[in-house]
Amino acid sequence: MSKPLYKVTFLNHGRVYELYARRVGSSALWGFTEVAELVFDVRDGVLVDPTEERLRDEFGDTRALHLPMQSVVRIEEVEKKGAAAIRDAVTGETVVTPFPLPAKPRS
C-alpha cells in the first residue's frame, strides 16, 4: 500500500500556494500544522513547469513546513499529483508567468 498524498493549500505573503506532500499532521509547535515529505515532479525532458521549478527552489531542501493553522486554507487527500501552483490571493491569477516566447518580427 502506498503512502497517502495530500494537496495542501495555504496563504503566504499575499499568495495562495498549492503543494503536494506525503505527510500532514499536527506540529509539535502549538498552533501549527506540519507538512512533510513534499512531492515535486521530476522531469528530465525539455518541457519545464516554471511554477514547479520555483516551488522546488523555495522548498526543495525543506524537511518539514510548520504552517500557522490560520494560514491553511485546505488539505485534501488525493489519488494523484496535479499541477502545483502559486496564485495571487486576491485575483486568483497565477503569479509565475511562463517563459516568454520570441516576439514576431515587425513587418
C-alpha atoms as a PDB file:
ATOM      1  CA  MET A   1       0.000   0.000   0.000  1.00  0.00           C
ATOM      2  CA  SER A   2       1.416   3.382  -0.967  1.00  0.00           C
ATOM      3  CA  LYS A   3       1.552   6.385   1.332  1.00  0.00           C
ATOM      4  CA  PRO A   4      -1.351   8.834   1.088  1.00  0.00           C
ATOM      5  CA  LEU A   5      -0.877  12.002  -0.978  1.00  0.00           C
ATOM      6  CA  TYR A   6      -2.158  15.367   0.237  1.00  0.00           C
ATOM      7  CA  LYS A   7      -2.756  18.614  -1.617  1.00  0.00           C
ATOM      8  CA  VAL A   8      -2.067  21.450   0.835  1.00  0.00           C
ATOM      9  CA  THR A   9      -3.349  24.948   0.062  1.00  0.00           C
ATOM     10  CA  PHE A  10      -2.094  27.785   2.264  1.00  0.00           C
ATOM     11  CA  LEU A  11      -1.617  31.561   2.313  1.00  0.00           C
ATOM     12  CA  ASN A  12       1.886  33.052   2.304  1.00  0.00           C
ATOM     13  CA  HIS A  13       2.707  36.759   1.788  1.00  0.00           C
ATOM     14  CA  GLY A  14      -0.482  37.559  -0.154  1.00  0.00           C
ATOM     15  CA  ARG A  15      -0.250  34.467  -2.320  1.00  0.00           C
ATOM     16  CA  VAL A  16      -2.002  31.113  -2.286  1.00  0.00           C
ATOM     17  CA  TYR A  17       0.398  28.162  -2.526  1.00  0.00           C
ATOM     18  CA  GLU A  18      -0.666  24.660  -3.557  1.00  0.00           C
ATOM     19  CA  LEU A  19       1.849  21.954  -2.670  1.00  0.00           C
ATOM     20  CA  TYR A  20       1.722  18.173  -2.518  1.00  0.00           C
ATOM     21  CA  ALA A  21       3.033  16.190   0.451  1.00  0.00           C
ATOM     22  CA  ARG A  22       3.058  12.629   1.762  1.00  0.00           C
ATOM     23  CA  ARG A  23       2.706  13.550   5.445  1.00  0.00           C
ATOM     24  CA  VAL A  24       0.449  16.123   7.139  1.00  0.00           C
ATOM     25  CA  GLY A  25      -0.359  16.368  10.827  1.00  0.00           C
ATOM     26  CA  SER A  26      -0.304  18.414  13.995  1.00  0.00           C
ATOM     27  CA  SER A  27       3.047  20.036  14.630  1.00  0.00           C
ATOM     28  CA  ALA A  28       4.989  19.793  17.873  1.00  0.00           C
ATOM     29  CA  LEU A  29       4.769  23.597  17.795  1.00  0.00           C
ATOM     30  CA  TRP A  30       1.442  24.678  19.282  1.00  0.00           C
ATOM     31  CA  GLY A  31      -0.935  26.215  16.696  1.00  0.00           C
ATOM     32  CA  PHE A  32       0.945  24.909  13.650  1.00  0.00           C
ATOM     33  CA  THR A  33       0.293  22.217  11.046  1.00  0.00           C
ATOM     34  CA  GLU A  34       3.269  20.135   9.949  1.00  0.00           C
ATOM     35  CA  VAL A  35       3.626  19.350   6.248  1.00  0.00           C
ATOM     36  CA  ALA A  36       6.481  16.985   5.369  1.00  0.00           C
ATOM     37  CA  GLU A  37       7.806  14.810   2.548  1.00  0.00           C
ATOM     38  CA  LEU A  38       6.979  17.363  -0.148  1.00  0.00           C
ATOM     39  CA  VAL A  39       6.419  15.904  -3.616  1.00  0.00           C
ATOM     40  CA  PHE A  40       7.746  17.592  -6.760  1.00  0.00           C
ATOM     41  CA  ASP A  41       7.693  16.448 -10.384  1.00  0.00           C
ATOM     42  CA  VAL A  42      10.993  15.009 -11.542  1.00  0.00           C
ATOM     43  CA  ARG A  43      11.268  15.630 -15.243  1.00  0.00           C
ATOM     44  CA  ASP A  44      14.355  15.360 -17.373  1.00  0.00           C
ATOM     45  CA  GLY A  45      12.671  16.479 -20.577  1.00  0.00           C
ATOM     46  CA  VAL A  46      12.634  19.744 -22.460  1.00  0.00           C
ATOM     47  CA  LEU A  47       9.280  20.890 -21.070  1.00  0.00           C
ATOM     48  CA  VAL A  48       9.716  22.618 -17.693  1.00  0.00           C
ATOM     49  CA  ASP A  49       6.927  23.977 -15.486  1.00  0.00           C
ATOM     50  CA  PRO A  50       8.153  27.350 -14.116  1.00  0.00           C
ATOM     51  CA  THR A  51       5.841  27.169 -11.090  1.00  0.00           C
ATOM     52  CA  GLU A  52       7.127  23.718 -10.140  1.00  0.00           C
ATOM     53  CA  GLU A  53      10.710  24.959 -10.548  1.00  0.00           C
ATOM     54  CA  ARG A  54      10.067  27.989  -8.328  1.00  0.00           C
ATOM     55  CA  LEU A  55       8.466  25.831  -5.632  1.00  0.00           C
ATOM     56  CA  ARG A  56      11.333  23.337  -5.827  1.00  0.00           C
ATOM     57  CA  ASP A  57      13.836  26.208  -5.467  1.00  0.00           C
ATOM     58  CA  GLU A  58      11.977  27.589  -2.441  1.00  0.00           C
ATOM     59  CA  PHE A  59      11.063  24.328  -0.670  1.00  0.00           C
ATOM     60  CA  GLY A  60      13.351  21.679  -2.217  1.00  0.00           C
ATOM     61  CA  ASP A  61      15.624  21.313   0.823  1.00  0.00           C
ATOM     62  CA  THR A  62      12.794  21.610   3.355  1.00  0.00           C
ATOM     63  CA  ARG A  63      12.323  18.593   5.640  1.00  0.00           C
ATOM     64  CA  ALA A  64       9.051  19.897   7.101  1.00  0.00           C
ATOM     65  CA  LEU A  65       6.936  23.030   6.873  1.00  0.00           C
ATOM     66  CA  HIS A  66       5.293  24.272  10.064  1.00  0.00           C
ATOM     67  CA  LEU A  67       2.380  26.374   8.854  1.00  0.00           C
ATOM     68  CA  PRO A  68       0.288  28.511  11.198  1.00  0.00           C
ATOM     69  CA  MET A  69      -3.173  26.921  11.385  1.00  0.00           C
ATOM     70  CA  GLN A  70      -4.868  30.160  10.314  1.00  0.00           C
ATOM     71  CA  SER A  71      -2.848  30.236   7.052  1.00  0.00           C
ATOM     72  CA  VAL A  72      -4.008  26.757   5.955  1.00  0.00           C
ATOM     73  CA  VAL A  73      -6.908  27.065   3.527  1.00  0.00           C
ATOM     74  CA  ARG A  74      -7.466  23.394   2.717  1.00  0.00           C
ATOM     75  CA  ILE A  75      -5.889  19.965   2.982  1.00  0.00           C
ATOM     76  CA  GLU A  76      -7.161  17.319   0.566  1.00  0.00           C
ATOM     77  CA  GLU A  77      -6.221  13.663   0.314  1.00  0.00           C
ATOM     78  CA  VAL A  78      -5.896  12.982  -3.424  1.00  0.00           C
ATOM     79  CA  GLU A  79      -5.296   9.967  -5.659  1.00  0.00           C
ATOM     80  CA  LYS A  80      -2.605  11.520  -7.859  1.00  0.00           C
ATOM     81  CA  LYS A  81      -0.496  14.646  -8.060  1.00  0.00           C
ATOM     82  CA  GLY A  82      -1.728  17.577 -10.097  1.00  0.00           C
ATOM     83  CA  ALA A  83      -0.025  20.822 -11.009  1.00  0.00           C
ATOM     84  CA  ALA A  84       1.432  22.801  -8.115  1.00  0.00           C
ATOM     85  CA  ALA A  85       0.513  26.482  -8.157  1.00  0.00           C
ATOM     86  CA  ILE A  86       1.242  29.911  -6.762  1.00  0.00           C
ATOM     87  CA  ARG A  87      -1.671  32.330  -7.151  1.00  0.00           C
ATOM     88  CA  ASP A  88      -2.413  35.872  -6.102  1.00  0.00           C
ATOM     89  CA  ALA A  89      -4.703  35.685  -3.046  1.00  0.00           C
ATOM     90  CA  VAL A  90      -6.980  38.497  -4.259  1.00  0.00           C
ATOM     91  CA  THR A  91      -7.335  37.854  -8.003  1.00  0.00           C
ATOM     92  CA  GLY A  92      -6.593  34.128  -8.130  1.00  0.00           C
ATOM     93  CA  GLU A  93      -4.304  34.657 -11.109  1.00  0.00           C
ATOM     94  CA  THR A  94      -1.133  32.621 -11.457  1.00  0.00           C
ATOM     95  CA  VAL A  95       1.861  34.565 -10.153  1.00  0.00           C
ATOM     96  CA  VAL A  96       4.608  32.760 -12.048  1.00  0.00           C
ATOM     97  CA  THR A  97       4.480  33.573 -15.729  1.00  0.00           C
ATOM     98  CA  PRO A  98       5.650  31.128 -18.385  1.00  0.00           C
ATOM     99  CA  PHE A  99       8.947  31.653 -20.166  1.00  0.00           C
ATOM    100  CA  PRO A 100       8.425  34.386 -22.796  1.00  0.00           C
ATOM    101  CA  LEU A 101       8.332  33.348 -26.411  1.00  0.00           C
ATOM    102  CA  PRO A 102      10.291  35.293 -29.010  1.00  0.00           C
ATOM    103  CA  ALA A 103       8.351  38.216 -30.412  1.00  0.00           C
ATOM    104  CA  LYS A 104       7.189  38.165 -34.014  1.00  0.00           C
ATOM    105  CA  PRO A 105       9.295  40.266 -36.342  1.00  0.00           C
ATOM    106  CA  ARG A 106       7.618  43.502 -37.301  1.00  0.00           C
ATOM    107  CA  SER A 107       6.585  43.843 -40.914  1.00  0.00           C
END
